[in-house]
Protein backbone atom coordinates (compact mmCIF):
# COMPACT_ATOMS: atom_id res chain seq x y z
CA MET A 1 0.00 0.01 -0.01
CA LYS A 2 2.87 2.32 0.86
CA LYS A 3 4.45 1.71 -2.60
CA LEU A 4 1.17 2.45 -4.38
CA THR A 5 0.72 5.71 -2.40
CA MET A 6 4.30 6.80 -3.24
CA ALA A 7 3.83 5.95 -6.92
CA ALA A 8 0.57 7.95 -7.02
CA MET A 9 2.30 10.91 -5.32
CA ALA A 10 5.22 10.79 -7.77
CA ILE A 11 2.90 10.68 -10.81
CA LEU A 12 0.81 13.57 -9.35
CA PHE A 13 3.98 15.57 -8.74
CA CYS A 14 5.20 14.95 -12.32
CA PHE A 15 1.84 15.97 -13.83
CA SER A 16 1.61 19.15 -11.76
CA GLY A 17 5.19 20.13 -12.84
CA ALA A 18 4.32 19.48 -16.47
CA ALA A 19 1.08 21.47 -16.25
CA SER A 20 2.97 24.40 -14.66
CA ALA A 21 5.56 24.37 -17.42
CA GLN A 22 2.87 24.14 -20.11
CA SER A 23 1.03 27.13 -18.52
CA ALA A 24 4.19 29.20 -18.57
CA ARG A 25 4.88 28.28 -22.24
CA ARG A 26 1.30 29.15 -23.20
CA THR A 27 1.47 32.61 -21.49
CA SER A 28 4.70 33.54 -23.30
CA SER A 29 3.51 32.23 -26.67
CA MET A 30 0.18 34.09 -26.32
CA SER A 31 1.92 37.39 -25.75
CA SER A 32 4.21 36.85 -28.79
CA ALA A 33 1.32 35.65 -31.05
CA HIS A 34 -1.26 38.14 -29.83
CA HIS A 35 -2.41 39.12 -33.34
CA GLU A 36 -2.97 35.49 -34.41
CA THR A 37 -5.37 34.53 -31.65
CA PHE A 38 -9.02 33.44 -31.88
CA PHE A 39 -11.16 34.45 -28.90
CA VAL A 40 -14.29 32.67 -27.72
CA SER A 41 -16.79 34.26 -25.37
CA THR A 42 -20.39 34.07 -24.28
CA GLU A 43 -22.89 36.85 -23.81
CA LEU A 44 -26.07 37.09 -21.85
CA GLU A 45 -28.60 39.49 -23.48
CA PHE A 46 -31.78 41.35 -22.71
CA GLY A 47 -33.88 42.10 -25.78
CA MET A 48 -36.71 44.60 -26.32
CA PRO A 49 -38.70 44.83 -29.59
CA ILE A 50 -39.45 48.38 -30.68
CA GLY A 51 -41.86 49.99 -33.15
CA ASN A 52 -44.43 47.72 -34.76
CA TYR A 53 -42.55 44.66 -33.52
CA SER A 54 -43.45 45.45 -29.93
CA ASP A 55 -47.12 44.97 -30.82
CA VAL A 56 -46.64 41.20 -31.40
CA ASN A 57 -43.54 40.33 -29.31
CA GLY A 58 -42.60 40.79 -25.64
CA VAL A 59 -39.34 41.50 -23.94
CA GLY A 60 -36.89 38.67 -23.76
CA GLY A 61 -33.44 37.36 -22.99
CA GLY A 62 -30.90 35.12 -24.56
CA VAL A 63 -27.44 33.70 -24.66
CA MET A 64 -24.94 34.05 -27.47
CA LEU A 65 -21.71 32.15 -28.32
CA VAL A 66 -19.16 34.55 -29.87
CA GLY A 67 -16.04 33.98 -31.88
CA GLU A 68 -13.66 36.82 -32.59
CA TYR A 69 -10.66 36.71 -34.96
CA PRO A 70 -8.31 39.77 -34.97
CA LEU A 71 -7.58 41.00 -38.48
CA LEU A 72 -5.66 44.16 -37.61
CA ASP A 73 -4.66 45.79 -34.31
CA ALA A 74 -8.09 47.46 -33.96
CA LEU A 75 -10.30 45.36 -36.27
CA SER A 76 -11.78 41.87 -35.77
CA ALA A 77 -14.05 39.59 -37.67
CA THR A 78 -16.81 38.18 -35.51
CA ALA A 79 -19.35 35.39 -35.56
CA ARG A 80 -22.27 35.11 -33.08
CA ILE A 81 -24.90 32.45 -32.69
CA GLY A 82 -27.48 31.97 -29.95
CA PHE A 83 -31.07 31.79 -28.84
CA GLN A 84 -33.38 34.62 -27.73
CA TYR A 85 -36.54 33.71 -25.78
CA HIS A 86 -39.33 36.32 -25.70
CA ALA A 87 -42.34 36.65 -23.41
CA ASN A 88 -45.88 36.34 -24.70
CA LYS A 89 -47.74 39.44 -25.84
CA ALA A 90 -51.57 39.34 -25.52
CA LEU A 91 -53.26 40.27 -28.79
CA SER A 92 -56.67 39.51 -27.37
CA PRO A 93 -57.98 37.81 -24.20
CA THR A 94 -57.67 34.38 -25.90
CA VAL A 95 -54.57 34.82 -28.15
CA ASP A 96 -51.01 35.20 -26.96
CA VAL A 97 -48.16 35.79 -29.47
CA HIS A 98 -44.35 35.61 -29.20
CA VAL A 99 -41.40 35.44 -31.59
CA HIS A 100 -38.34 33.55 -30.36
CA SER A 101 -35.27 33.75 -32.54
CA ILE A 102 -32.01 32.05 -33.38
CA PRO A 103 -29.57 34.66 -34.74
CA ILE A 104 -26.57 33.51 -36.83
CA LEU A 105 -24.51 36.63 -37.41
CA LEU A 106 -21.20 37.51 -39.08
CA GLY A 107 -19.63 40.92 -38.58
CA ALA A 108 -16.84 43.17 -37.64
CA LYS A 109 -15.76 44.84 -34.46
CA TYR A 110 -13.59 47.99 -34.41
CA TYR A 111 -11.83 49.03 -31.19
CA LEU A 112 -11.32 52.73 -30.70
CA MET A 113 -8.71 52.19 -27.97
CA PRO A 114 -5.48 50.17 -27.96
CA ASP A 115 -5.04 46.53 -26.91
CA ARG A 116 -8.63 45.56 -27.65
CA GLN A 117 -9.84 47.34 -24.60
CA GLY A 118 -12.30 50.20 -24.09
CA LEU A 119 -14.87 51.55 -26.55
CA PHE A 120 -15.72 49.53 -29.72
CA GLY A 121 -18.24 49.64 -32.52
CA ALA A 122 -19.78 46.60 -34.21
CA PHE A 123 -21.60 45.81 -37.44
CA GLU A 124 -23.33 42.45 -38.19
CA LEU A 125 -25.44 40.77 -40.78
CA GLY A 126 -26.81 37.29 -41.04
CA LEU A 127 -29.82 35.04 -40.61
CA PHE A 128 -32.56 35.09 -38.01
CA ASP A 129 -34.66 31.96 -37.59
CA LEU A 130 -37.88 33.54 -36.30
CA MET A 131 -40.12 31.05 -34.44
CA THR A 132 -43.57 32.63 -34.20
CA SER A 133 -46.36 31.28 -32.05
CA ALA A 134 -49.90 32.69 -32.03
CA GLY A 135 -52.46 30.78 -30.03
CA ASN A 136 -52.32 27.16 -31.19
CA THR A 137 -50.40 27.81 -34.47
CA SER A 138 -46.71 28.24 -34.96
CA GLN A 139 -44.33 28.79 -37.90
CA ASN A 140 -40.63 29.32 -38.60
CA ASP A 141 -39.37 32.00 -40.97
CA LEU A 142 -35.75 32.40 -42.00
CA LYS A 143 -34.95 36.11 -42.47
CA PHE A 144 -31.88 38.11 -43.46
CA GLY A 145 -31.07 40.84 -40.99
CA THR A 146 -28.49 43.45 -40.04
CA GLY A 147 -27.44 45.47 -37.04
CA VAL A 148 -25.08 47.92 -35.45
CA GLY A 149 -23.78 48.19 -31.91
CA VAL A 150 -21.52 49.91 -29.52
CA GLY A 151 -19.82 48.56 -26.46
CA TYR A 152 -17.02 48.67 -23.95
CA ALA A 153 -14.41 45.95 -23.23
CA MET A 154 -12.46 45.63 -20.04
CA LYS A 155 -10.07 42.66 -19.67
CA GLN A 156 -12.19 39.55 -20.38
CA TRP A 157 -15.53 41.38 -19.86
CA ASN A 158 -17.53 43.43 -22.28
CA ALA A 159 -20.89 45.16 -22.34
CA ARG A 160 -22.71 46.16 -25.53
CA VAL A 161 -25.94 47.59 -26.92
CA ASN A 162 -27.18 46.59 -30.40
CA LEU A 163 -29.94 47.70 -32.76
CA HIS A 164 -30.97 44.91 -35.13
CA SER A 165 -33.50 44.64 -37.93
CA GLN A 166 -34.45 40.97 -38.02
CA ASP A 167 -35.73 41.30 -41.63
CA VAL A 168 -34.07 43.71 -44.04
CA GLY A 169 -37.13 43.41 -46.36
CA HIS A 170 -39.30 44.87 -43.66
CA PHE A 171 -36.65 46.96 -41.96
CA GLY A 172 -38.77 49.12 -39.72
CA ASP A 173 -41.24 46.36 -38.73
CA LEU A 174 -38.87 43.94 -37.01
CA LEU A 175 -36.54 46.18 -34.94
CA MET A 176 -34.95 44.87 -31.74
CA ILE A 177 -32.69 46.56 -29.19
CA THR A 178 -30.46 44.18 -27.18
CA ALA A 179 -28.14 44.91 -24.35
CA GLY A 180 -25.79 42.35 -22.94
CA VAL A 181 -22.72 41.45 -20.92
CA GLY A 182 -20.11 39.05 -22.20
CA TYR A 183 -17.15 37.10 -20.83
CA GLN A 184 -14.17 35.84 -22.89
CA PHE A 185 -13.40 32.39 -21.58
CA ALA A 186 -10.89 31.13 -24.13
CA GLY A 187 -8.23 32.29 -26.57
CA PHE A 188 -6.40 30.08 -29.05
């Protein structure tokens, strides 16, 4: 039993030393390859339909998975995908309506301050899978949309506000304001 315990301790000691050395190597290589990194983050959002859209859709919330690839010192290409759940809106005493969505967006993010910190602007376009439910009927519509946003990044955290049209063909009818907080949890 003593030999087994000593062998387990030796293996644990070797693995912890190797992990520490790998961590030190990763930190030095990340600082030298800062421009060739891909960042992954997640965002929690609050969404509010505005204009005509607020007549048939309630407020909601969602989660987004975000990928960011730096192209230049201040410019990044972005991809976001997620799910937005919206509360029911009563059209009549017997009919409730809501429009949940799955946004799949590609875009760009431009940082106004150095080191990808501070104020940034964003532009996105992509697909919105709109899942409409009214009473006992439901349907899915795939729409092309676009949006702009502004935010602030601090270390791994960011906050942003976006204005999206979930259907370019009916630009003013499907407007949504979202506000969210994000956390970068990985960089490759």
